[in-house]
PDB file of N, CA and C in Angstrom:
ATOM      1  N   MET A   1      51.950 130.311  44.999  1.00  0.00           N
ATOM      2  CA  MET A   1      51.132 130.247  43.809  1.00  0.00           C
ATOM      3  C   MET A   1      49.764 130.856  44.147  1.00  0.00           C
ATOM      4  N   PRO A   2      49.344 131.878  43.407  1.00  0.00           N
ATOM      5  CA  PRO A   2      48.054 132.514  43.710  1.00  0.00           C
ATOM      6  C   PRO A   2      46.864 131.634  43.331  1.00  0.00           C
ATOM      7  N   LEU A   3      45.776 131.891  44.007  1.00  0.00           N
ATOM      8  CA  LEU A   3      44.528 131.185  43.757  1.00  0.00           C
ATOM      9  C   LEU A   3      43.956 131.622  42.412  1.00  0.00           C
ATOM     10  N   GLU A   4      43.531 130.669  41.586  1.00  0.00           N
ATOM     11  CA  GLU A   4      42.903 131.015  40.312  1.00  0.00           C
ATOM     12  C   GLU A   4      41.465 131.445  40.587  1.00  0.00           C
ATOM     13  N   MET A   5      41.130 132.666  40.246  1.00  0.00           N
ATOM     14  CA  MET A   5      39.794 133.206  40.475  1.00  0.00           C
ATOM     15  C   MET A   5      38.963 132.997  39.215  1.00  0.00           C
ATOM     16  N   ARG A   6      38.346 131.843  39.102  1.00  0.00           N
ATOM     17  CA  ARG A   6      37.545 131.534  37.920  1.00  0.00           C
ATOM     18  C   ARG A   6      36.323 132.431  37.862  1.00  0.00           C
ATOM     19  N   LYS A   7      35.882 132.722  36.657  1.00  0.00           N
ATOM     20  CA  LYS A   7      34.853 133.731  36.446  1.00  0.00           C
ATOM     21  C   LYS A   7      33.452 133.191  36.244  1.00  0.00           C
ATOM     22  N   GLN A   8      33.271 131.868  36.374  1.00  0.00           N
ATOM     23  CA  GLN A   8      31.909 131.342  36.280  1.00  0.00           C
ATOM     24  C   GLN A   8      31.780 130.019  37.011  1.00  0.00           C
ATOM     25  N   CYS A   9      30.542 129.735  37.414  1.00  0.00           N
ATOM     26  CA  CYS A   9      30.221 128.485  38.092  1.00  0.00           C
ATOM     27  C   CYS A   9      30.380 127.341  37.104  1.00  0.00           C
ATOM     28  N   GLU A  10      31.035 126.285  37.533  1.00  0.00           N
ATOM     29  CA  GLU A  10      31.259 125.127  36.656  1.00  0.00           C
ATOM     30  C   GLU A  10      30.007 124.295  36.429  1.00  0.00           C
ATOM     31  N   ARG A  11      28.967 124.546  37.206  1.00  0.00           N
ATOM     32  CA  ARG A  11      27.739 123.757  37.078  1.00  0.00           C
ATOM     33  C   ARG A  11      26.671 124.487  36.263  1.00  0.00           C
ATOM     34  N   CYS A  12      26.415 125.759  36.579  1.00  0.00           N
ATOM     35  CA  CYS A  12      25.325 126.484  35.912  1.00  0.00           C
ATOM     36  C   CYS A  12      25.810 127.629  35.026  1.00  0.00           C
ATOM     37  N   SER A  13      27.102 127.887  35.031  1.00  0.00           N
ATOM     38  CA  SER A  13      27.726 128.951  34.224  1.00  0.00           C
ATOM     39  C   SER A  13      27.385 130.370  34.680  1.00  0.00           C
ATOM     40  N   GLU A  14      26.880 130.526  35.906  1.00  0.00           N
ATOM     41  CA  GLU A  14      26.625 131.874  36.432  1.00  0.00           C
ATOM     42  C   GLU A  14      27.937 132.644  36.477  1.00  0.00           C
ATOM     43  N   THR A  15      27.887 133.903  36.087  1.00  0.00           N
ATOM     44  CA  THR A  15      29.076 134.755  36.119  1.00  0.00           C
ATOM     45  C   THR A  15      29.439 135.069  37.567  1.00  0.00           C
ATOM     46  N   LEU A  16      30.726 134.938  37.888  1.00  0.00           N
ATOM     47  CA  LEU A  16      31.242 135.221  39.224  1.00  0.00           C
ATOM     48  C   LEU A  16      32.355 136.252  39.109  1.00  0.00           C
ATOM     49  N   ASN A  17      32.238 137.350  39.838  1.00  0.00           N
ATOM     50  CA  ASN A  17      33.351 138.299  39.873  1.00  0.00           C
ATOM     51  C   ASN A  17      34.132 138.070  41.167  1.00  0.00           C
ATOM     52  N   ALA A  18      35.156 138.854  41.385  1.00  0.00           N
ATOM     53  CA  ALA A  18      36.019 138.644  42.552  1.00  0.00           C
ATOM     54  C   ALA A  18      35.280 138.801  43.875  1.00  0.00           C
ATOM     55  N   GLN A  19      34.187 139.576  43.892  1.00  0.00           N
ATOM     56  CA  GLN A  19      33.438 139.801  45.128  1.00  0.00           C
ATOM     57  C   GLN A  19      32.228 138.874  45.272  1.00  0.00           C
ATOM     58  N   SER A  20      31.944 138.063  44.267  1.00  0.00           N
ATOM     59  CA  SER A  20      30.798 137.145  44.326  1.00  0.00           C
ATOM     60  C   SER A  20      31.038 136.051  45.357  1.00  0.00           C
ATOM     61  N   PRO A  21      30.001 135.668  46.100  1.00  0.00           N
ATOM     62  CA  PRO A  21      30.171 134.511  46.976  1.00  0.00           C
ATOM     63  C   PRO A  21      30.321 133.259  46.108  1.00  0.00           C
ATOM     64  N   ALA A  22      31.401 132.548  46.311  1.00  0.00           N
ATOM     65  CA  ALA A  22      31.670 131.349  45.526  1.00  0.00           C
ATOM     66  C   ALA A  22      32.372 130.338  46.415  1.00  0.00           C
ATOM     67  N   TYR A  23      32.335 129.088  45.985  1.00  0.00           N
ATOM     68  CA  TYR A  23      32.935 127.997  46.754  1.00  0.00           C
ATOM     69  C   TYR A  23      33.893 127.234  45.864  1.00  0.00           C
ATOM     70  N   ILE A  24      34.983 126.737  46.464  1.00  0.00           N
ATOM     71  CA  ILE A  24      36.009 126.011  45.726  1.00  0.00           C
ATOM     72  C   ILE A  24      36.413 124.746  46.476  1.00  0.00           C
ATOM     73  N   CYS A  25      36.973 123.790  45.728  1.00  0.00           N
ATOM     74  CA  CYS A  25      37.561 122.596  46.346  1.00  0.00           C
ATOM     75  C   CYS A  25      39.082 122.753  46.302  1.00  0.00           C
ATOM     76  N   VAL A  26      39.789 121.763  46.730  1.00  0.00           N
ATOM     77  CA  VAL A  26      41.249 121.809  46.766  1.00  0.00           C
ATOM     78  C   VAL A  26      41.853 121.963  45.367  1.00  0.00           C
ATOM     79  N   HIS A  27      41.124 121.564  44.338  1.00  0.00           N
ATOM     80  CA  HIS A  27      41.610 121.689  42.953  1.00  0.00           C
ATOM     81  C   HIS A  27      41.125 122.970  42.293  1.00  0.00           C
ATOM     82  N   GLU A  28      40.480 123.851  43.069  1.00  0.00           N
ATOM     83  CA  GLU A  28      39.972 125.137  42.623  1.00  0.00           C
ATOM     84  C   GLU A  28      38.783 125.036  41.667  1.00  0.00           C
ATOM     85  N   CYS A  29      38.079 123.884  41.689  1.00  0.00           N
ATOM     86  CA  CYS A  29      36.806 123.810  40.974  1.00  0.00           C
ATOM     87  C   CYS A  29      35.930 124.861  41.648  1.00  0.00           C
ATOM     88  N   THR A  30      35.153 125.609  40.887  1.00  0.00           N
ATOM     89  CA  THR A  30      34.447 126.772  41.410  1.00  0.00           C
ATOM     90  C   THR A  30      32.946 126.676  41.157  1.00  0.00           C
ATOM     91  N   PHE A  31      32.153 126.949  42.204  1.00  0.00           N
ATOM     92  CA  PHE A  31      30.702 126.858  42.112  1.00  0.00           C
ATOM     93  C   PHE A  31      30.059 128.048  42.810  1.00  0.00           C
ATOM     94  N   CYS A  32      28.897 128.486  42.290  1.00  0.00           N
ATOM     95  CA  CYS A  32      28.146 129.563  42.932  1.00  0.00           C
ATOM     96  C   CYS A  32      27.514 129.012  44.217  1.00  0.00           C
ATOM     97  N   GLU A  33      26.990 129.913  45.027  1.00  0.00           N
ATOM     98  CA  GLU A  33      26.406 129.515  46.306  1.00  0.00           C
ATOM     99  C   GLU A  33      25.193 128.581  46.150  1.00  0.00           C
ATOM    100  N   PRO A  34      24.224 128.889  45.248  1.00  0.00           N
ATOM    101  CA  PRO A  34      23.079 127.974  45.105  1.00  0.00           C
ATOM    102  C   PRO A  34      23.488 126.562  44.653  1.00  0.00           C
ATOM    103  N   CYS A  35      24.413 126.474  43.708  1.00  0.00           N
ATOM    104  CA  CYS A  35      24.845 125.145  43.261  1.00  0.00           C
ATOM    105  C   CYS A  35      25.579 124.407  44.374  1.00  0.00           C
ATOM    106  N   THR A  36      26.391 125.127  45.147  1.00  0.00           N
ATOM    107  CA  THR A  36      27.113 124.509  46.265  1.00  0.00           C
ATOM    108  C   THR A  36      26.136 123.901  47.263  1.00  0.00           C
ATOM    109  N   GLU A  37      25.064 124.619  47.561  1.00  0.00           N
ATOM    110  CA  GLU A  37      24.053 124.096  48.490  1.00  0.00           C
ATOM    111  C   GLU A  37      23.375 122.856  47.907  1.00  0.00           C
ATOM    112  N   GLU A  38      23.048 122.889  46.613  1.00  0.00           N
ATOM    113  CA  GLU A  38      22.422 121.730  45.968  1.00  0.00           C
ATOM    114  C   GLU A  38      23.358 120.519  45.953  1.00  0.00           C
ATOM    115  N   LEU A  39      24.663 120.783  45.864  1.00  0.00           N
ATOM    116  CA  LEU A  39      25.660 119.706  45.857  1.00  0.00           C
ATOM    117  C   LEU A  39      26.030 119.266  47.272  1.00  0.00           C
ATOM    118  N   MET A  40      25.387 119.859  48.280  1.00  0.00           N
ATOM    119  CA  MET A  40      25.654 119.573  49.688  1.00  0.00           C
ATOM    120  C   MET A  40      27.129 119.775  50.039  1.00  0.00           C
ATOM    121  N   LYS A  41      27.724 120.809  49.422  1.00  0.00           N
ATOM    122  CA  LYS A  41      29.109 121.229  49.673  1.00  0.00           C
ATOM    123  C   LYS A  41      30.133 120.140  49.361  1.00  0.00           C
ATOM    124  N   VAL A  42      29.826 119.308  48.347  1.00  0.00           N
ATOM    125  CA  VAL A  42      30.760 118.262  47.896  1.00  0.00           C
ATOM    126  C   VAL A  42      31.024 118.472  46.404  1.00  0.00           C
ATOM    127  N   CYS A  43      32.280 118.584  46.032  1.00  0.00           N
ATOM    128  CA  CYS A  43      32.658 118.794  44.636  1.00  0.00           C
ATOM    129  C   CYS A  43      32.276 117.560  43.810  1.00  0.00           C
ATOM    130  N   PRO A  44      31.529 117.743  42.720  1.00  0.00           N
ATOM    131  CA  PRO A  44      31.147 116.596  41.893  1.00  0.00           C
ATOM    132  C   PRO A  44      32.314 116.052  41.059  1.00  0.00           C
ATOM    133  N   ASN A  45      33.390 116.812  40.967  1.00  0.00           N
ATOM    134  CA  ASN A  45      34.547 116.384  40.169  1.00  0.00           C
ATOM    135  C   ASN A  45      35.513 115.502  40.954  1.00  0.00           C
ATOM    136  N   CYS A  46      35.770 115.870  42.222  1.00  0.00           N
ATOM    137  CA  CYS A  46      36.782 115.138  42.997  1.00  0.00           C
ATOM    138  C   CYS A  46      36.255 114.605  44.330  1.00  0.00           C
ATOM    139  N   SER A  47      34.995 114.906  44.654  1.00  0.00           N
ATOM    140  CA  SER A  47      34.366 114.523  45.926  1.00  0.00           C
ATOM    141  C   SER A  47      34.961 115.245  47.130  1.00  0.00           C
ATOM    142  N   GLY A  48      35.740 116.297  46.872  1.00  0.00           N
ATOM    143  CA  GLY A  48      36.308 117.085  47.959  1.00  0.00           C
ATOM    144  C   GLY A  48      35.307 118.060  48.534  1.00  0.00           C
ATOM    145  N   GLU A  49      35.625 118.598  49.685  1.00  0.00           N
ATOM    146  CA  GLU A  49      34.774 119.579  50.353  1.00  0.00           C
ATOM    147  C   GLU A  49      34.825 120.911  49.608  1.00  0.00           C
ATOM    148  N   LEU A  50      33.663 121.536  49.440  1.00  0.00           N
ATOM    149  CA  LEU A  50      33.596 122.875  48.869  1.00  0.00           C
ATOM    150  C   LEU A  50      33.568 123.872  50.013  1.00  0.00           C
ATOM    151  N   VAL A  51      34.508 124.819  49.994  1.00  0.00           N
ATOM    152  CA  VAL A  51      34.613 125.832  51.037  1.00  0.00           C
ATOM    153  C   VAL A  51      34.512 127.211  50.403  1.00  0.00           C
ATOM    154  N   LYS A  52      34.136 128.191  51.201  1.00  0.00           N
ATOM    155  CA  LYS A  52      33.963 129.553  50.709  1.00  0.00           C
ATOM    156  C   LYS A  52      35.287 130.083  50.155  1.00  0.00           C
ATOM    157  N   ARG A  53      35.212 130.599  48.933  1.00  0.00           N
ATOM    158  CA  ARG A  53      36.403 131.168  48.284  1.00  0.00           C
ATOM    159  C   ARG A  53      36.720 132.512  48.934  1.00  0.00           C
ATOM    160  N   PRO A  54      37.991 132.756  49.265  1.00  0.00           N
ATOM    161  CA  PRO A  54      38.346 134.050  49.847  1.00  0.00           C
ATOM    162  C   PRO A  54      38.161 135.166  48.821  1.00  0.00           C
ATOM    163  N   ARG A  55      37.808 136.329  49.304  1.00  0.00           N
ATOM    164  CA  ARG A  55      37.653 137.486  48.433  1.00  0.00           C
ATOM    165  C   ARG A  55      38.867 138.393  48.615  1.00  0.00           C
ATOM    166  N   PRO A  56      39.332 138.994  47.525  1.00  0.00           N
ATOM    167  CA  PRO A  56      40.461 139.910  47.666  1.00  0.00           C
ATOM    168  C   PRO A  56      40.050 141.166  48.457  1.00  0.00           C
ATOM    169  N   ARG A  57      41.003 141.751  49.132  1.00  0.00           N
ATOM    170  CA  ARG A  57      40.730 142.987  49.866  1.00  0.00           C
ATOM    171  C   ARG A  57      40.463 144.110  48.878  1.00  0.00           C
ATOM    172  N   VAL A  58      39.525 144.953  49.231  1.00  0.00           N
ATOM    173  CA  VAL A  58      39.228 146.132  48.410  1.00  0.00           C
ATOM    174  C   VAL A  58      40.003 147.283  49.002  1.00  0.00           C
ATOM    175  N   HIS A  59      40.764 147.949  48.171  1.00  0.00           N
ATOM    176  CA  HIS A  59      41.602 149.071  48.649  1.00  0.00           C
ATOM    177  C   HIS A  59      40.891 150.376  48.470  1.00  0.00           C
TER     178      HIS A  59
END
């Protein structure tokens, strides 16, 4: 099952493209880098760890 690449931060609504630095939890909640730092890398929805979202390879 492929990773859902959400297009905006769930906290501040910043637009995120596939190459944007973003962080996700195990449930694929998605946050921009500044919000992730403010949240101390803890998802406010599930309390899971927020980790850097992988970026697709550019061909």
